[in-house]
């Protein structure tokens, strides 16, 4: 939900002509991405970072800290100084991990200051291009005759959580197989090591375009503009199925409100710009703008959603 035009106009004017000194002068901001360089999450994060630095007139360094489905980066950023100098690309992966992985050294709900939403993407249900399965109905029927295997990148990943939600809603039995990363999982699917997987559209598009895998449905309530011919899982018979993956920006808890507000306004203006929006759309992602308060509310709702699923599927690692 966007702010009313007069309020946003006022904020934009304030950000342009009367900016408070909310960043340490001459000190580079650090933008941490807890996923591998070259992946779709990294691509979206860097697309923002390369525009954020000139918009803020502040040097910015991107730092990839892969590991634990984003939890390695989150643990580091949670302990960083709350002075606005450290930001993190946050996603649904972090919220799933919070509910599944025991012993995390932080609580996502209290360790981070929500700054700005960025994008929402559907996951797509994919099978090997060589598979005889041509629809969700075919897949459910096949799972009734033999135990199928789904791929994920490990416990606490959105791939695992979405597949488990599908298993519960479809009333079938599935076995999970963990891979070292999304690329390895998609290669395993194409090669027949697993039977199905849920992967975000930005990550799945290359394999789909290469004809190595085929898509059966998307995980969101509405069809994807990137793959408009694909039905939703709800259309395929699983009513009210809706499991998007979102991305946004957070900072350590306690980051000054003036800094959060300036960052939010700047990121929202970038998301409204044609160039950045076009780049996200090309990746299959839908740009999303929210106020910090709205972003915090969205995070709380998603934490509750994945907590319910973790209990239903007994996913605690």
Protein backbone atom coordinates (compact mmCIF):
# COMPACT_ATOMS: atom_id res chain seq x y z
CA UNK A 1 0.00 0.00 0.00
CA UNK A 2 1.48 3.35 -1.03
CA UNK A 3 1.40 6.50 1.05
CA UNK A 4 -1.07 9.21 -0.02
CA UNK A 5 0.42 11.47 -2.70
CA UNK A 6 0.65 14.67 -0.63
CA UNK A 7 2.55 12.86 2.15
CA UNK A 8 4.93 11.15 -0.27
CA UNK A 9 5.48 14.43 -2.10
CA UNK A 10 6.31 16.12 1.19
CA UNK A 11 8.72 13.33 2.15
CA UNK A 12 10.43 13.41 -1.26
CA UNK A 13 10.90 17.16 -0.98
CA UNK A 14 12.31 16.82 2.51
CA UNK A 15 14.67 14.04 1.38
CA UNK A 16 15.90 16.18 -1.52
CA UNK A 17 16.27 19.60 0.06
CA UNK A 18 16.55 19.14 3.83
CA UNK A 19 18.31 15.85 4.48
CA UNK A 20 19.45 15.32 8.04
CA UNK A 21 23.01 14.06 8.56
CA UNK A 22 21.89 10.48 9.17
CA UNK A 23 24.98 8.74 7.76
CA UNK A 24 28.57 8.98 8.92
CA UNK A 25 30.33 11.19 6.39
CA UNK A 26 33.03 9.46 4.36
CA UNK A 27 32.17 6.03 5.75
CA UNK A 28 31.04 3.40 3.29
CA UNK A 29 27.72 1.71 3.94
CA UNK A 30 27.79 -2.08 3.98
CA UNK A 31 25.05 -4.00 2.16
CA UNK A 32 25.15 -7.66 3.16
CA UNK A 33 23.69 -10.37 0.92
CA UNK A 34 23.47 -13.78 2.60
CA UNK A 35 23.31 -15.72 -0.66
CA UNK A 36 25.88 -16.78 -3.27
CA UNK A 37 27.21 -14.28 -5.80
CA UNK A 38 25.65 -14.81 -9.21
CA UNK A 39 22.31 -16.16 -7.98
CA UNK A 40 18.95 -14.49 -8.41
CA UNK A 41 18.89 -13.12 -4.84
CA UNK A 42 22.32 -11.62 -5.40
CA UNK A 43 21.19 -10.13 -8.72
CA UNK A 44 18.23 -8.38 -7.10
CA UNK A 45 20.31 -7.16 -4.16
CA UNK A 46 23.05 -5.77 -6.38
CA UNK A 47 20.51 -4.12 -8.68
CA UNK A 48 19.34 -2.14 -5.65
CA UNK A 49 22.82 -1.50 -4.25
CA UNK A 50 24.21 -0.04 -7.47
CA UNK A 51 21.40 2.53 -7.48
CA UNK A 52 21.24 3.17 -3.75
CA UNK A 53 24.80 4.49 -3.44
CA UNK A 54 24.41 7.38 -5.92
CA UNK A 55 20.88 8.11 -4.66
CA UNK A 56 22.24 8.54 -1.12
CA UNK A 57 25.48 10.19 -2.31
CA UNK A 58 27.20 7.69 -0.05
CA UNK A 59 29.79 4.99 -0.83
CA UNK A 60 28.35 1.49 -0.50
CA UNK A 61 30.07 -1.91 -0.46
CA UNK A 62 28.21 -5.15 -1.27
CA UNK A 63 29.32 -8.11 0.84
CA UNK A 64 28.22 -11.69 0.13
CA UNK A 65 28.10 -13.83 3.30
CA UNK A 66 26.66 -17.12 2.10
CA UNK A 67 25.72 -19.95 4.44
CA UNK A 68 22.83 -21.41 6.38
CA UNK A 69 20.16 -20.17 3.98
CA UNK A 70 20.96 -16.57 4.84
CA UNK A 71 21.36 -17.15 8.59
CA UNK A 72 25.15 -16.65 8.60
CA UNK A 73 24.70 -13.13 7.25
CA UNK A 74 21.77 -12.45 9.57
CA UNK A 75 23.76 -13.47 12.65
CA UNK A 76 26.52 -11.06 11.66
CA UNK A 77 24.23 -8.13 10.83
CA UNK A 78 22.21 -8.61 14.03
CA UNK A 79 25.41 -7.79 16.00
CA UNK A 80 26.48 -4.86 13.80
CA UNK A 81 26.36 -1.29 15.16
CA UNK A 82 22.86 0.20 14.85
CA UNK A 83 24.12 3.40 13.26
CA UNK A 84 22.78 2.97 9.74
CA UNK A 85 26.10 1.81 8.32
CA UNK A 86 24.99 -1.84 7.81
CA UNK A 87 22.03 -3.07 5.77
CA UNK A 88 20.97 -6.58 4.78
CA UNK A 89 18.95 -8.10 1.96
CA UNK A 90 16.23 -9.98 3.84
CA UNK A 91 13.87 -12.55 2.38
CA UNK A 92 11.33 -15.23 3.21
CA UNK A 93 14.30 -17.62 3.54
CA UNK A 94 15.17 -15.89 6.83
CA UNK A 95 11.66 -16.28 8.22
CA UNK A 96 11.43 -19.96 7.33
CA UNK A 97 14.85 -20.58 8.88
CA UNK A 98 13.74 -18.78 12.06
CA UNK A 99 10.95 -21.32 12.51
CA UNK A 100 12.91 -24.43 11.50
CA UNK A 101 16.53 -24.08 12.61
CA UNK A 102 17.08 -24.44 16.34
CA UNK A 103 19.71 -22.41 18.14
CA UNK A 104 19.91 -19.37 15.87
CA UNK A 105 21.79 -16.62 17.72
CA UNK A 106 19.11 -14.04 16.96
CA UNK A 107 15.33 -13.64 16.83
CA UNK A 108 14.42 -12.11 13.48
CA UNK A 109 11.35 -10.38 14.92
CA UNK A 110 13.41 -8.34 17.38
CA UNK A 111 16.96 -8.32 15.98
CA UNK A 112 16.23 -6.22 12.89
CA UNK A 113 14.71 -2.89 11.95
CA UNK A 114 12.47 -3.21 8.88
CA UNK A 115 13.61 -0.59 6.36
CA UNK A 116 11.87 -1.22 3.04
CA UNK A 117 10.21 -3.95 1.03
CA UNK A 118 11.58 -4.53 -2.47
CA UNK A 119 9.97 -7.37 -4.44
CA UNK A 120 7.71 -10.40 -4.32
CA UNK A 121 8.23 -13.46 -6.51
CA UNK A 122 6.25 -16.67 -6.99
CA UNK A 123 7.79 -20.09 -6.65
CA UNK A 124 7.17 -22.38 -9.59
CA UNK A 125 6.49 -26.11 -9.35
CA UNK A 126 8.90 -27.72 -11.81
CA UNK A 127 9.63 -31.25 -13.02
CA UNK A 128 12.22 -32.60 -15.44
CA UNK A 129 11.57 -31.88 -19.11
CA UNK A 130 11.77 -35.66 -19.60
CA UNK A 131 9.04 -36.32 -17.03
CA UNK A 132 5.71 -37.73 -18.21
CA UNK A 133 3.94 -35.54 -15.66
CA UNK A 134 2.08 -32.79 -17.48
CA UNK A 135 -0.06 -31.25 -14.72
CA UNK A 136 -0.47 -30.91 -10.97
CA UNK A 137 -3.22 -33.52 -11.18
CA UNK A 138 -0.77 -35.95 -12.83
CA UNK A 139 1.79 -35.31 -10.11
CA UNK A 140 -0.65 -35.89 -7.26
CA UNK A 141 -1.85 -39.11 -8.89
CA UNK A 142 1.75 -40.30 -9.38
CA UNK A 143 2.55 -39.54 -5.74
CA UNK A 144 -0.31 -41.82 -4.74
CA UNK A 145 1.28 -44.71 -6.63
CA UNK A 146 4.92 -44.18 -5.69
CA UNK A 147 6.83 -41.98 -3.26
CA UNK A 148 8.22 -39.00 -5.15
CA UNK A 149 11.28 -36.95 -4.18
CA UNK A 150 11.39 -33.17 -3.98
CA UNK A 151 14.52 -31.04 -3.92
CA UNK A 152 15.49 -28.20 -1.60
CA UNK A 153 18.62 -26.43 -0.44
CA UNK A 154 18.21 -27.82 3.08
CA UNK A 155 16.25 -27.46 6.29
CA UNK A 156 14.72 -24.04 6.74
CA UNK A 157 14.70 -23.14 3.03
CA UNK A 158 11.67 -21.79 1.19
CA UNK A 159 12.05 -24.66 -1.28
CA UNK A 160 11.56 -27.16 1.53
CA UNK A 161 8.77 -25.21 3.21
CA UNK A 162 6.77 -24.71 0.01
CA UNK A 163 7.14 -28.36 -0.97
CA UNK A 164 6.00 -29.44 2.49
CA UNK A 165 3.01 -27.11 2.31
CA UNK A 166 2.16 -28.68 -1.05
CA UNK A 167 2.54 -32.17 0.44
CA UNK A 168 0.16 -31.35 3.29
CA UNK A 169 -2.43 -29.61 1.14
CA UNK A 170 -2.37 -32.34 -1.54
CA UNK A 171 -2.51 -35.13 1.05
CA UNK A 172 0.42 -37.02 -0.47
CA UNK A 173 3.74 -38.43 0.70
CA UNK A 174 7.01 -36.93 -0.50
CA UNK A 175 10.67 -37.43 0.42
CA UNK A 176 13.00 -34.44 0.62
CA UNK A 177 16.49 -34.39 -0.89
CA UNK A 178 18.85 -31.57 0.07
CA UNK A 179 21.32 -30.00 -2.38
CA UNK A 180 24.22 -27.63 -1.84
CA UNK A 181 22.45 -24.80 -3.68
CA UNK A 182 19.68 -23.85 -6.06
CA UNK A 183 21.75 -24.49 -9.19
CA UNK A 184 22.68 -27.98 -7.98
CA UNK A 185 19.03 -28.68 -7.14
CA UNK A 186 17.83 -27.63 -10.60
CA UNK A 187 20.56 -29.71 -12.27
CA UNK A 188 19.52 -32.68 -10.12
CA UNK A 189 15.94 -32.20 -11.24
CA UNK A 190 16.90 -32.02 -14.91
CA UNK A 191 19.02 -35.16 -14.53
CA UNK A 192 16.30 -37.17 -12.79
CA UNK A 193 17.85 -37.28 -9.31
CA UNK A 194 14.59 -35.85 -7.93
CA UNK A 195 11.04 -35.71 -9.28
CA UNK A 196 9.94 -32.16 -8.48
CA UNK A 197 11.00 -28.92 -6.89
CA UNK A 198 9.69 -25.50 -5.97
CA UNK A 199 12.04 -22.72 -7.04
CA UNK A 200 11.55 -18.98 -7.38
CA UNK A 201 10.84 -17.83 -10.91
CA UNK A 202 14.02 -15.71 -11.15
CA UNK A 203 16.10 -18.82 -10.35
CA UNK A 204 14.07 -21.19 -12.53
CA UNK A 205 13.80 -19.09 -15.69
CA UNK A 206 17.18 -20.05 -17.17
CA UNK A 207 16.47 -23.79 -16.89
CA UNK A 208 12.95 -23.31 -18.21
CA UNK A 209 14.17 -21.32 -21.20
CA UNK A 210 16.87 -23.93 -21.88
CA UNK A 211 14.18 -26.62 -21.97
CA UNK A 212 15.80 -28.70 -19.20
CA UNK A 213 12.78 -28.49 -16.88
CA UNK A 214 9.09 -27.76 -17.33
CA UNK A 215 6.72 -25.85 -15.09
CA UNK A 216 3.34 -27.07 -13.86
CA UNK A 217 2.04 -24.23 -11.66
CA UNK A 218 2.97 -21.20 -9.57
CA UNK A 219 2.70 -20.98 -5.78
CA UNK A 220 0.99 -17.59 -5.54
CA UNK A 221 -2.69 -16.66 -5.43
CA UNK A 222 -2.41 -14.89 -8.79
CA UNK A 223 -0.73 -15.99 -11.99
CA UNK A 224 2.75 -14.67 -12.72
CA UNK A 225 3.21 -12.03 -15.40
CA UNK A 226 6.49 -13.79 -16.29
CA UNK A 227 4.75 -17.12 -16.99
CA UNK A 228 1.11 -16.12 -17.59
CA UNK A 229 0.18 -19.45 -19.17
CA UNK A 230 0.86 -21.33 -15.92
CA UNK A 231 -2.09 -21.96 -13.58
CA UNK A 232 -1.84 -21.26 -9.89
CA UNK A 233 -1.92 -24.19 -7.49
CA UNK A 234 -5.31 -22.90 -6.38
CA UNK A 235 -6.56 -23.16 -9.97
CA UNK A 236 -5.08 -26.66 -10.09
CA UNK A 237 -7.28 -27.75 -7.19
CA UNK A 238 -5.48 -26.65 -3.99
CA UNK A 239 -7.79 -23.85 -2.89
CA UNK A 240 -6.29 -20.74 -1.23
CA UNK A 241 -2.71 -21.92 -1.80
CA UNK A 242 -0.54 -18.81 -1.63
CA UNK A 243 3.19 -18.98 -0.82
CA UNK A 244 5.12 -16.05 -2.31
CA UNK A 245 8.77 -15.31 -1.60
CA UNK A 246 9.55 -11.68 -0.79
CA UNK A 247 12.74 -9.62 -0.60
CA UNK A 248 13.45 -6.40 1.23
CA UNK A 249 15.96 -4.47 3.33
CA UNK A 250 16.52 -4.54 7.08
CA UNK A 251 19.04 -2.97 9.46
CA UNK A 252 20.13 -3.87 13.00
CA UNK A 253 17.48 -3.16 15.63
CA UNK A 254 17.82 0.31 17.09
CA UNK A 255 18.90 1.99 13.86
CA UNK A 256 17.84 5.67 14.15
CA UNK A 257 14.36 6.45 12.87
CA UNK A 258 15.63 9.32 10.69
CA UNK A 259 17.98 6.91 8.93
CA UNK A 260 15.26 4.31 8.42
CA UNK A 261 12.84 6.91 7.04
CA UNK A 262 15.40 8.33 4.61
CA UNK A 263 16.40 4.88 3.39
CA UNK A 264 12.76 3.87 2.98
CA UNK A 265 11.89 6.95 0.96
CA UNK A 266 14.98 6.55 -1.22
CA UNK A 267 14.37 2.86 -1.92
CA UNK A 268 10.69 3.47 -2.69
CA UNK A 269 11.62 6.20 -5.17
CA UNK A 270 14.10 3.83 -6.83
CA UNK A 271 11.42 1.13 -7.05
CA UNK A 272 9.08 3.62 -8.72
CA UNK A 273 11.71 4.47 -11.33
CA UNK A 274 11.38 2.87 -14.74
CA UNK A 275 14.90 1.45 -14.98
CA UNK A 276 14.98 -0.44 -11.67
CA UNK A 277 11.38 -1.60 -12.03
CA UNK A 278 12.15 -2.94 -15.52
CA UNK A 279 15.17 -4.86 -14.24
CA UNK A 280 13.14 -6.52 -11.47
CA UNK A 281 10.33 -7.37 -13.88
CA UNK A 282 12.86 -8.93 -16.24
CA UNK A 283 13.92 -11.21 -13.37
CA UNK A 284 10.28 -12.24 -12.83
CA UNK A 285 9.94 -10.17 -9.65
CA UNK A 286 7.13 -7.73 -8.82
CA UNK A 287 8.34 -4.47 -7.21
CA UNK A 288 6.71 -3.72 -3.84
CA UNK A 289 6.76 -0.41 -1.96
CA UNK A 290 5.80 -0.13 1.71
CA UNK A 291 6.38 2.22 4.62
CA UNK A 292 8.62 0.86 7.42
CA UNK A 293 5.49 0.22 9.52
CA UNK A 294 3.78 -1.71 6.71
CA UNK A 295 6.97 -3.69 6.07
CA UNK A 296 7.19 -4.61 9.75
CA UNK A 297 3.58 -5.81 9.67
CA UNK A 298 4.22 -7.94 6.58
CA UNK A 299 7.21 -9.57 8.29
CA UNK A 300 5.13 -10.38 11.38
CA UNK A 301 2.41 -12.00 9.27
CA UNK A 302 4.91 -14.10 7.35
CA UNK A 303 6.63 -15.25 10.54
CA UNK A 304 3.26 -16.53 11.78
CA UNK A 305 2.53 -18.20 8.44
CA UNK A 306 5.79 -20.17 8.40
CA UNK A 307 5.50 -20.95 12.12
CA UNK A 308 2.16 -22.68 11.45
CA UNK A 309 3.64 -24.64 8.57
CA UNK A 310 6.70 -25.68 10.57
CA UNK A 311 4.42 -27.10 13.25
CA UNK A 312 2.13 -28.85 10.77
CA UNK A 313 4.98 -30.45 8.85
CA UNK A 314 7.23 -31.05 11.86
CA UNK A 315 10.08 -29.25 10.12
CA UNK A 316 12.14 -28.30 13.18
CA UNK A 317 15.75 -29.24 12.46
